[in-house]
Amino acid sequence: MFVLMYLPLTWMTTALVIYLYEVFHENLLINNRVIKAEKMEMVSHLAASVSHEVRNPLTVVRGFLQMIEEEGTSEAKRREFMKLSVQEIDRANAILENYLTFARPSPEHMQVIHIEEQIHKTLQILTPLAHMNTVEIHTNITDCCIEGNEDNFQQCLINIKKNCIEAMPNSGKLSIETRKEDSEVTLIITDNGNGMTKEQLSRLGEPYYTTKGREGTGLGMMAAFKIIETMHGKLTVTSVPQEGTSFYIQLPVVEAG
């Protein structure tokens, strides 16, 4: 009698285990397909976005070159068109750089970086833009060392500071300071520009999402988040409409090489 009861129970248990395994395996396959599909959709959207955004400045450059060749175009106008063409080419190059930062794997060669030196280097690059927008720059930097790729870190700082300056088209103040606590440094970049709504803030860093209209792609902030992540750091942002935005970059401190 015991054997007759035990055998069906064993068969039922075995069947239940096999069923649960099949369900789990099927769910795992479905999840993997969903993840793969999401990745492919992301790549597709990025490729379409980059293609569209690079085509725009190239079209503008083509138009300027045609006007330069036209008879009757003054020398002053030719110089102006050449200057604008260079600006558009630089914009296309920046779009490609930001896309590659997101697409390429983490850099293999990390190096010790002096944070004060990188802040001043990037400020030198952006000073002309700040002057054009009548933006005052204030710094309070305590030097320390972090680890990362120097070019990528510069690109991250340029993207963030450029966003801040462009958020103050009619004058403003850009503040940059560092706060060091134990084994971590926080770099704070603050503007008193247009600011962002909660919805805009929640979407910051998404590819092809921008608050700048035609002038932006969203790739710059996406690249900034990616770069800080590869440096084992954290980038957080706070903002109030019509009051300004603050970027907090937290990074581990290392010993000077």
C-alpha atoms as a PDB file:
ATOM      1  CA  MET A   1       0.000   0.000   0.000  1.00  0.00           C
ATOM      2  CA  PHE A   2       2.851   2.390   0.918  1.00  0.00           C
ATOM      3  CA  VAL A   3       4.616   1.681  -2.383  1.00  0.00           C
ATOM      4  CA  LEU A   4       1.433   2.357  -4.335  1.00  0.00           C
ATOM      5  CA  MET A   5       1.091   5.762  -2.627  1.00  0.00           C
ATOM      6  CA  TYR A   6       4.812   6.624  -2.832  1.00  0.00           C
ATOM      7  CA  LEU A   7       5.269   6.030  -6.562  1.00  0.00           C
ATOM      8  CA  PRO A   8       2.535   8.484  -7.757  1.00  0.00           C
ATOM      9  CA  LEU A   9       3.815  11.068  -5.271  1.00  0.00           C
ATOM     10  CA  THR A  10       7.353  10.713  -6.659  1.00  0.00           C
ATOM     11  CA  TRP A  11       6.091  10.998 -10.225  1.00  0.00           C
ATOM     12  CA  MET A  12       4.075  14.102  -9.350  1.00  0.00           C
ATOM     13  CA  THR A  13       7.075  15.701  -7.605  1.00  0.00           C
ATOM     14  CA  THR A  14       9.332  14.917 -10.550  1.00  0.00           C
ATOM     15  CA  ALA A  15       6.791  16.295 -13.020  1.00  0.00           C
ATOM     16  CA  LEU A  16       6.396  19.460 -10.917  1.00  0.00           C
ATOM     17  CA  VAL A  17      10.186  19.997 -10.790  1.00  0.00           C
ATOM     18  CA  ILE A  18      10.465  19.479 -14.561  1.00  0.00           C
ATOM     19  CA  TYR A  19       7.559  21.878 -15.149  1.00  0.00           C
ATOM     20  CA  LEU A  20       9.056  24.559 -12.901  1.00  0.00           C
ATOM     21  CA  TYR A  21      12.430  24.159 -14.603  1.00  0.00           C
ATOM     22  CA  GLU A  22      10.860  24.557 -18.026  1.00  0.00           C
ATOM     23  CA  VAL A  23       8.929  27.652 -16.894  1.00  0.00           C
ATOM     24  CA  PHE A  24      12.083  29.169 -15.363  1.00  0.00           C
ATOM     25  CA  HIS A  25      14.148  28.350 -18.461  1.00  0.00           C
ATOM     26  CA  GLU A  26      11.510  29.819 -20.771  1.00  0.00           C
ATOM     27  CA  ASN A  27      11.294  33.007 -18.688  1.00  0.00           C
ATOM     28  CA  LEU A  28      15.083  33.300 -18.760  1.00  0.00           C
ATOM     29  CA  LEU A  29      15.109  33.005 -22.557  1.00  0.00           C
ATOM     30  CA  ILE A  30      12.330  35.594 -22.852  1.00  0.00           C
ATOM     31  CA  ASN A  31      14.175  38.013 -20.553  1.00  0.00           C
ATOM     32  CA  ASN A  32      17.367  37.588 -22.572  1.00  0.00           C
ATOM     33  CA  ARG A  33      15.482  38.278 -25.801  1.00  0.00           C
ATOM     34  CA  VAL A  34      13.874  41.392 -24.279  1.00  0.00           C
ATOM     35  CA  ILE A  35      17.259  42.694 -23.051  1.00  0.00           C
ATOM     36  CA  LYS A  36      18.826  42.046 -26.453  1.00  0.00           C
ATOM     37  CA  ALA A  37      15.926  43.740 -28.235  1.00  0.00           C
ATOM     38  CA  GLU A  38      16.193  46.775 -25.924  1.00  0.00           C
ATOM     39  CA  LYS A  39      19.924  47.028 -26.601  1.00  0.00           C
ATOM     40  CA  MET A  40      19.380  46.803 -30.352  1.00  0.00           C
ATOM     41  CA  GLU A  41      16.638  49.445 -30.147  1.00  0.00           C
ATOM     42  CA  MET A  42      18.982  51.736 -28.188  1.00  0.00           C
ATOM     43  CA  VAL A  43      21.753  51.291 -30.775  1.00  0.00           C
ATOM     44  CA  SER A  44      19.272  51.881 -33.589  1.00  0.00           C
ATOM     45  CA  HIS A  45      17.990  55.097 -31.992  1.00  0.00           C
ATOM     46  CA  LEU A  46      21.524  56.322 -31.296  1.00  0.00           C
ATOM     47  CA  ALA A  47      22.661  55.604 -34.846  1.00  0.00           C
ATOM     48  CA  ALA A  48      19.639  57.411 -36.267  1.00  0.00           C
ATOM     49  CA  SER A  49      20.165  60.348 -33.909  1.00  0.00           C
ATOM     50  CA  VAL A  50      23.873  60.688 -34.676  1.00  0.00           C
ATOM     51  CA  SER A  51      23.265  60.351 -38.420  1.00  0.00           C
ATOM     52  CA  HIS A  52      20.627  63.087 -38.276  1.00  0.00           C
ATOM     53  CA  GLU A  53      22.631  65.425 -36.060  1.00  0.00           C
ATOM     54  CA  VAL A  54      25.873  65.087 -38.064  1.00  0.00           C
ATOM     55  CA  ARG A  55      24.004  65.623 -41.331  1.00  0.00           C
ATOM     56  CA  ASN A  56      22.687  68.977 -40.098  1.00  0.00           C
ATOM     57  CA  PRO A  57      26.065  70.749 -39.692  1.00  0.00           C
ATOM     58  CA  LEU A  58      27.390  69.145 -42.889  1.00  0.00           C
ATOM     59  CA  THR A  59      24.421  70.555 -44.800  1.00  0.00           C
ATOM     60  CA  VAL A  60      25.098  73.987 -43.302  1.00  0.00           C
ATOM     61  CA  VAL A  61      28.806  73.799 -44.259  1.00  0.00           C
ATOM     62  CA  ARG A  62      27.892  72.800 -47.807  1.00  0.00           C
ATOM     63  CA  GLY A  63      25.602  75.827 -48.076  1.00  0.00           C
ATOM     64  CA  PHE A  64      28.288  78.200 -46.791  1.00  0.00           C
ATOM     65  CA  LEU A  65      30.896  76.805 -49.200  1.00  0.00           C
ATOM     66  CA  GLN A  66      28.510  77.338 -52.088  1.00  0.00           C
ATOM     67  CA  MET A  67      27.979  80.958 -51.033  1.00  0.00           C
ATOM     68  CA  ILE A  68      31.748  81.478 -50.713  1.00  0.00           C
ATOM     69  CA  GLU A  69      32.161  80.392 -54.353  1.00  0.00           C
ATOM     70  CA  GLU A  70      29.478  82.765 -55.616  1.00  0.00           C
ATOM     71  CA  GLU A  71      30.631  85.833 -57.493  1.00  0.00           C
ATOM     72  CA  GLY A  72      30.037  89.093 -55.712  1.00  0.00           C
ATOM     73  CA  THR A  73      30.519  87.668 -52.219  1.00  0.00           C
ATOM     74  CA  SER A  74      32.632  90.162 -50.275  1.00  0.00           C
ATOM     75  CA  GLU A  75      35.831  89.155 -48.505  1.00  0.00           C
ATOM     76  CA  ALA A  76      34.258  89.976 -45.133  1.00  0.00           C
ATOM     77  CA  LYS A  77      31.317  87.671 -45.901  1.00  0.00           C
ATOM     78  CA  ARG A  78      33.675  84.899 -47.043  1.00  0.00           C
ATOM     79  CA  ARG A  79      35.564  85.117 -43.745  1.00  0.00           C
ATOM     80  CA  GLU A  80      32.287  85.047 -41.824  1.00  0.00           C
ATOM     81  CA  PHE A  81      31.078  81.986 -43.759  1.00  0.00           C
ATOM     82  CA  MET A  82      34.407  80.223 -43.185  1.00  0.00           C
ATOM     83  CA  LYS A  83      34.220  80.908 -39.454  1.00  0.00           C
ATOM     84  CA  LEU A  84      30.665  79.562 -39.264  1.00  0.00           C
ATOM     85  CA  SER A  85      31.676  76.489 -41.297  1.00  0.00           C
ATOM     86  CA  VAL A  86      34.486  75.703 -38.844  1.00  0.00           C
ATOM     87  CA  GLN A  87      32.042  76.049 -35.947  1.00  0.00           C
ATOM     88  CA  GLU A  88      29.639  73.606 -37.597  1.00  0.00           C
ATOM     89  CA  ILE A  89      32.449  71.106 -38.251  1.00  0.00           C
ATOM     90  CA  ASP A  90      33.478  71.388 -34.601  1.00  0.00           C
ATOM     91  CA  ARG A  91      29.865  70.707 -33.613  1.00  0.00           C
ATOM     92  CA  ALA A  92      29.770  67.577 -35.771  1.00  0.00           C
ATOM     93  CA  ASN A  93      33.057  66.404 -34.251  1.00  0.00           C
ATOM     94  CA  ALA A  94      31.697  66.935 -30.713  1.00  0.00           C
ATOM     95  CA  ILE A  95      28.611  64.852 -31.555  1.00  0.00           C
ATOM     96  CA  LEU A  96      30.793  61.979 -32.791  1.00  0.00           C
ATOM     97  CA  GLU A  97      33.085  62.197 -29.745  1.00  0.00           C
ATOM     98  CA  ASN A  98      30.142  61.995 -27.358  1.00  0.00           C
ATOM     99  CA  TYR A  99      28.658  59.049 -29.237  1.00  0.00           C
ATOM    100  CA  LEU A 100      31.974  57.173 -29.250  1.00  0.00           C
ATOM    101  CA  THR A 101      32.383  57.736 -25.511  1.00  0.00           C
ATOM    102  CA  PHE A 102      29.079  55.986 -24.960  1.00  0.00           C
ATOM    103  CA  ALA A 103      29.672  53.240 -27.521  1.00  0.00           C
ATOM    104  CA  ARG A 104      33.287  52.297 -26.808  1.00  0.00           C
ATOM    105  CA  PRO A 105      34.234  50.045 -23.860  1.00  0.00           C
ATOM    106  CA  SER A 106      35.809  51.471 -20.714  1.00  0.00           C
ATOM    107  CA  PRO A 107      39.349  52.771 -21.280  1.00  0.00           C
ATOM    108  CA  GLU A 108      42.052  50.222 -20.463  1.00  0.00           C
ATOM    109  CA  HIS A 109      44.714  52.765 -19.517  1.00  0.00           C
ATOM    110  CA  MET A 110      43.772  54.702 -16.410  1.00  0.00           C
ATOM    111  CA  GLN A 111      46.091  57.380 -15.063  1.00  0.00           C
ATOM    112  CA  VAL A 112      46.449  59.590 -12.014  1.00  0.00           C
ATOM    113  CA  ILE A 113      44.849  62.979 -12.718  1.00  0.00           C
ATOM    114  CA  HIS A 114      45.306  66.240 -10.835  1.00  0.00           C
ATOM    115  CA  ILE A 115      41.763  67.597 -10.629  1.00  0.00           C
ATOM    116  CA  GLU A 116      42.794  71.289 -10.355  1.00  0.00           C
ATOM    117  CA  GLU A 117      44.858  71.099 -13.549  1.00  0.00           C
ATOM    118  CA  GLN A 118      41.979  69.578 -15.525  1.00  0.00           C
ATOM    119  CA  ILE A 119      39.508  72.171 -14.249  1.00  0.00           C
ATOM    120  CA  HIS A 120      41.744  75.055 -15.361  1.00  0.00           C
ATOM    121  CA  LYS A 121      42.511  73.428 -18.740  1.00  0.00           C
ATOM    122  CA  THR A 122      38.845  73.078 -19.564  1.00  0.00           C
ATOM    123  CA  LEU A 123      38.108  76.599 -18.344  1.00  0.00           C
ATOM    124  CA  GLN A 124      40.693  77.964 -20.781  1.00  0.00           C
ATOM    125  CA  ILE A 125      38.849  76.222 -23.606  1.00  0.00           C
ATOM    126  CA  LEU A 126      35.457  77.597 -22.536  1.00  0.00           C
ATOM    127  CA  THR A 127      36.498  81.129 -21.510  1.00  0.00           C
ATOM    128  CA  PRO A 128      35.666  82.640 -24.965  1.00  0.00           C
ATOM    129  CA  LEU A 129      32.140  81.192 -24.780  1.00  0.00           C
ATOM    130  CA  ALA A 130      31.758  82.531 -21.226  1.00  0.00           C
ATOM    131  CA  HIS A 131      32.846  86.007 -22.377  1.00  0.00           C
ATOM    132  CA  MET A 132      30.348  85.937 -25.243  1.00  0.00           C
ATOM    133  CA  ASN A 133      27.537  85.181 -22.774  1.00  0.00           C
ATOM    134  CA  THR A 134      28.892  87.653 -20.169  1.00  0.00           C
ATOM    135  CA  VAL A 135      29.294  84.831 -17.652  1.00  0.00           C
ATOM    136  CA  GLU A 136      31.527  85.335 -14.609  1.00  0.00           C
ATOM    137  CA  ILE A 137      33.560  82.317 -13.500  1.00  0.00           C
ATOM    138  CA  HIS A 138      34.383  81.761  -9.821  1.00  0.00           C
ATOM    139  CA  THR A 139      36.552  78.883  -8.551  1.00  0.00           C
ATOM    140  CA  ASN A 140      37.427  77.508  -5.123  1.00  0.00           C
ATOM    141  CA  ILE A 141      39.576  74.458  -5.853  1.00  0.00           C
ATOM    142  CA  THR A 142      41.580  72.285  -3.496  1.00  0.00           C
ATOM    143  CA  ASP A 143      43.832  70.043  -5.578  1.00  0.00           C
ATOM    144  CA  CYS A 144      43.753  66.283  -5.164  1.00  0.00           C
ATOM    145  CA  CYS A 145      44.288  63.270  -7.379  1.00  0.00           C
ATOM    146  CA  ILE A 146      41.763  60.956  -8.997  1.00  0.00           C
ATOM    147  CA  GLU A 147      42.113  58.031 -11.375  1.00  0.00           C
ATOM    148  CA  GLY A 148      40.742  57.926 -14.909  1.00  0.00           C
ATOM    149  CA  ASN A 149      41.342  58.715 -18.541  1.00  0.00           C
ATOM    150  CA  GLU A 150      42.504  62.342 -18.852  1.00  0.00           C
ATOM    151  CA  ASP A 151      40.913  63.027 -22.251  1.00  0.00           C
ATOM    152  CA  ASN A 152      37.582  61.542 -21.202  1.00  0.00           C
ATOM    153  CA  PHE A 153      37.528  63.489 -17.940  1.00  0.00           C
ATOM    154  CA  GLN A 154      38.240  66.723 -19.828  1.00  0.00           C
ATOM    155  CA  GLN A 155      35.414  65.910 -22.211  1.00  0.00           C
ATOM    156  CA  CYS A 156      33.061  65.326 -19.262  1.00  0.00           C
ATOM    157  CA  LEU A 157      33.976  68.684 -17.670  1.00  0.00           C
ATOM    158  CA  ILE A 158      33.645  70.533 -20.984  1.00  0.00           C
ATOM    159  CA  ASN A 159      30.200  69.028 -21.634  1.00  0.00           C
ATOM    160  CA  ILE A 160      28.898  70.018 -18.191  1.00  0.00           C
ATOM    161  CA  LYS A 161      30.441  73.506 -18.085  1.00  0.00           C
ATOM    162  CA  LYS A 162      29.320  74.239 -21.644  1.00  0.00           C
ATOM    163  CA  ASN A 163      25.748  73.291 -20.692  1.00  0.00           C
ATOM    164  CA  CYS A 164      25.953  75.643 -17.705  1.00  0.00           C
ATOM    165  CA  ILE A 165      27.258  78.564 -19.763  1.00  0.00           C
ATOM    166  CA  GLU A 166      24.664  78.030 -22.486  1.00  0.00           C
ATOM    167  CA  ALA A 167      21.940  78.060 -19.798  1.00  0.00           C
ATOM    168  CA  MET A 168      22.956  81.694 -19.109  1.00  0.00           C
ATOM    169  CA  PRO A 169      22.702  83.399 -22.533  1.00  0.00           C
ATOM    170  CA  ASN A 170      22.273  86.877 -21.059  1.00  0.00           C
ATOM    171  CA  SER A 171      24.956  86.863 -18.338  1.00  0.00           C
ATOM    172  CA  GLY A 172      25.297  84.866 -15.152  1.00  0.00           C
ATOM    173  CA  LYS A 173      27.678  83.215 -12.738  1.00  0.00           C
ATOM    174  CA  LEU A 174      29.449  79.870 -13.042  1.00  0.00           C
ATOM    175  CA  SER A 175      30.871  78.526  -9.770  1.00  0.00           C
ATOM    176  CA  ILE A 176      33.277  75.598  -9.499  1.00  0.00           C
ATOM    177  CA  GLU A 177      34.459  74.206  -6.185  1.00  0.00           C
ATOM    178  CA  THR A 178      35.805  71.019  -4.650  1.00  0.00           C
ATOM    179  CA  ARG A 179      35.072  69.454  -1.271  1.00  0.00           C
ATOM    180  CA  LYS A 180      37.350  66.701  -0.026  1.00  0.00           C
ATOM    181  CA  GLU A 181      36.203  64.313   2.677  1.00  0.00           C
ATOM    182  CA  ASP A 182      38.361  61.340   3.676  1.00  0.00           C
ATOM    183  CA  SER A 183      38.866  59.204   0.554  1.00  0.00           C
ATOM    184  CA  GLU A 184      36.391  61.062  -1.682  1.00  0.00           C
ATOM    185  CA  VAL A 185      36.270  64.406  -3.473  1.00  0.00           C
ATOM    186  CA  THR A 186      33.120  66.152  -4.676  1.00  0.00           C
ATOM    187  CA  LEU A 187      33.405  68.551  -7.592  1.00  0.00           C
ATOM    188  CA  ILE A 188      30.463  70.978  -7.656  1.00  0.00           C
ATOM    189  CA  ILE A 189      29.659  72.955 -10.822  1.00  0.00           C
ATOM    190  CA  THR A 190      26.820  75.460 -10.402  1.00  0.00           C
ATOM    191  CA  ASP A 191      25.122  78.013 -12.646  1.00  0.00           C
ATOM    192  CA  ASN A 192      22.345  80.524 -11.969  1.00  0.00           C
ATOM    193  CA  GLY A 193      20.753  80.068 -15.371  1.00  0.00           C
ATOM    194  CA  ASN A 194      17.431  78.814 -16.671  1.00  0.00           C
ATOM    195  CA  GLY A 195      17.286  75.673 -14.557  1.00  0.00           C
ATOM    196  CA  MET A 196      15.194  72.585 -15.306  1.00  0.00           C
ATOM    197  CA  THR A 197      11.812  71.204 -14.321  1.00  0.00           C
ATOM    198  CA  LYS A 198      11.527  67.897 -12.442  1.00  0.00           C
ATOM    199  CA  GLU A 199      10.509  66.170 -15.671  1.00  0.00           C
ATOM    200  CA  GLN A 200      13.495  67.571 -17.572  1.00  0.00           C
ATOM    201  CA  LEU A 201      15.809  66.628 -14.709  1.00  0.00           C
ATOM    202  CA  SER A 202      14.510  63.057 -14.637  1.00  0.00           C
ATOM    203  CA  ARG A 203      15.348  62.633 -18.330  1.00  0.00           C
ATOM    204  CA  LEU A 204      18.808  64.198 -18.148  1.00  0.00           C
ATOM    205  CA  GLY A 205      21.376  61.840 -19.666  1.00  0.00           C
ATOM    206  CA  GLU A 206      18.911  60.098 -21.972  1.00  0.00           C
ATOM    207  CA  PRO A 207      20.157  59.837 -25.552  1.00  0.00           C
ATOM    208  CA  TYR A 208      18.629  62.329 -27.992  1.00  0.00           C
ATOM    209  CA  TYR A 209      16.789  64.143 -25.172  1.00  0.00           C
ATOM    210  CA  THR A 210      17.729  67.814 -24.942  1.00  0.00           C
ATOM    211  CA  THR A 211      16.327  71.112 -23.692  1.00  0.00           C
ATOM    212  CA  LYS A 212      18.254  73.078 -26.347  1.00  0.00           C
ATOM    213  CA  GLY A 213      16.138  72.347 -29.403  1.00  0.00           C
ATOM    214  CA  ARG A 214      18.149  72.090 -32.609  1.00  0.00           C
ATOM    215  CA  GLU A 215      21.363  73.070 -30.820  1.00  0.00           C
ATOM    216  CA  GLY A 216      21.473  69.936 -28.644  1.00  0.00           C
ATOM    217  CA  THR A 217      21.462  66.149 -28.983  1.00  0.00           C
ATOM    218  CA  GLY A 218      21.479  64.901 -25.389  1.00  0.00           C
ATOM    219  CA  LEU A 219      24.675  62.977 -26.157  1.00  0.00           C
ATOM    220  CA  GLY A 220      26.897  65.316 -24.141  1.00  0.00           C
ATOM    221  CA  MET A 221      25.279  64.595 -20.780  1.00  0.00           C
ATOM    222  CA  MET A 222      24.897  60.923 -21.665  1.00  0.00           C
ATOM    223  CA  ALA A 223      28.661  60.789 -22.241  1.00  0.00           C
ATOM    224  CA  ALA A 224      29.317  62.658 -18.960  1.00  0.00           C
ATOM    225  CA  PHE A 225      27.338  60.094 -16.944  1.00  0.00           C
ATOM    226  CA  LYS A 226      29.151  57.260 -18.727  1.00  0.00           C
ATOM    227  CA  ILE A 227      32.617  58.753 -18.112  1.00  0.00           C
ATOM    228  CA  ILE A 228      32.029  59.286 -14.378  1.00  0.00           C
ATOM    229  CA  GLU A 229      30.670  55.746 -14.108  1.00  0.00           C
ATOM    230  CA  THR A 230      33.866  54.310 -15.650  1.00  0.00           C
ATOM    231  CA  MET A 231      35.864  56.274 -13.047  1.00  0.00           C
ATOM    232  CA  HIS A 232      33.905  54.532 -10.248  1.00  0.00           C
ATOM    233  CA  GLY A 233      32.233  57.819  -9.384  1.00  0.00           C
ATOM    234  CA  LYS A 234      28.738  59.249  -9.207  1.00  0.00           C
ATOM    235  CA  LEU A 235      27.157  62.214 -10.990  1.00  0.00           C
ATOM    236  CA  THR A 236      24.016  63.751  -9.511  1.00  0.00           C
ATOM    237  CA  VAL A 237      22.160  66.894 -10.578  1.00  0.00           C
ATOM    238  CA  THR A 238      19.817  69.291  -8.802  1.00  0.00           C
ATOM    239  CA  SER A 239      17.951  72.130 -10.485  1.00  0.00           C
ATOM    240  CA  VAL A 240      15.270  74.774  -9.900  1.00  0.00           C
ATOM    241  CA  PRO A 241      13.572  76.537 -12.852  1.00  0.00           C
ATOM    242  CA  GLN A 242      14.765  80.146 -13.259  1.00  0.00           C
ATOM    243  CA  GLU A 243      17.256  79.709 -10.394  1.00  0.00           C
ATOM    244  CA  GLY A 244      19.942  77.415 -11.757  1.00  0.00           C
ATOM    245  CA  THR A 245      21.481  73.966 -11.801  1.00  0.00           C
ATOM    246  CA  SER A 246      24.179  72.206  -9.774  1.00  0.00           C
ATOM    247  CA  PHE A 247      26.221  69.181 -10.864  1.00  0.00           C
ATOM    248  CA  TYR A 248      27.823  67.050  -8.145  1.00  0.00           C
ATOM    249  CA  ILE A 249      30.651  64.763  -9.274  1.00  0.00           C
ATOM    250  CA  GLN A 250      31.790  62.376  -6.528  1.00  0.00           C
ATOM    251  CA  LEU A 251      35.057  60.521  -7.185  1.00  0.00           C
ATOM    252  CA  PRO A 252      37.439  58.387  -5.116  1.00  0.00           C
ATOM    253  CA  VAL A 253      40.736  60.078  -4.243  1.00  0.00           C
ATOM    254  CA  VAL A 254      44.049  58.335  -5.003  1.00  0.00           C
ATOM    255  CA  GLU A 255      47.649  59.027  -4.025  1.00  0.00           C
ATOM    256  CA  ALA A 256      49.711  61.225  -6.354  1.00  0.00           C
ATOM    257  CA  GLY A 257      51.911  59.186  -8.671  1.00  0.00           C
END
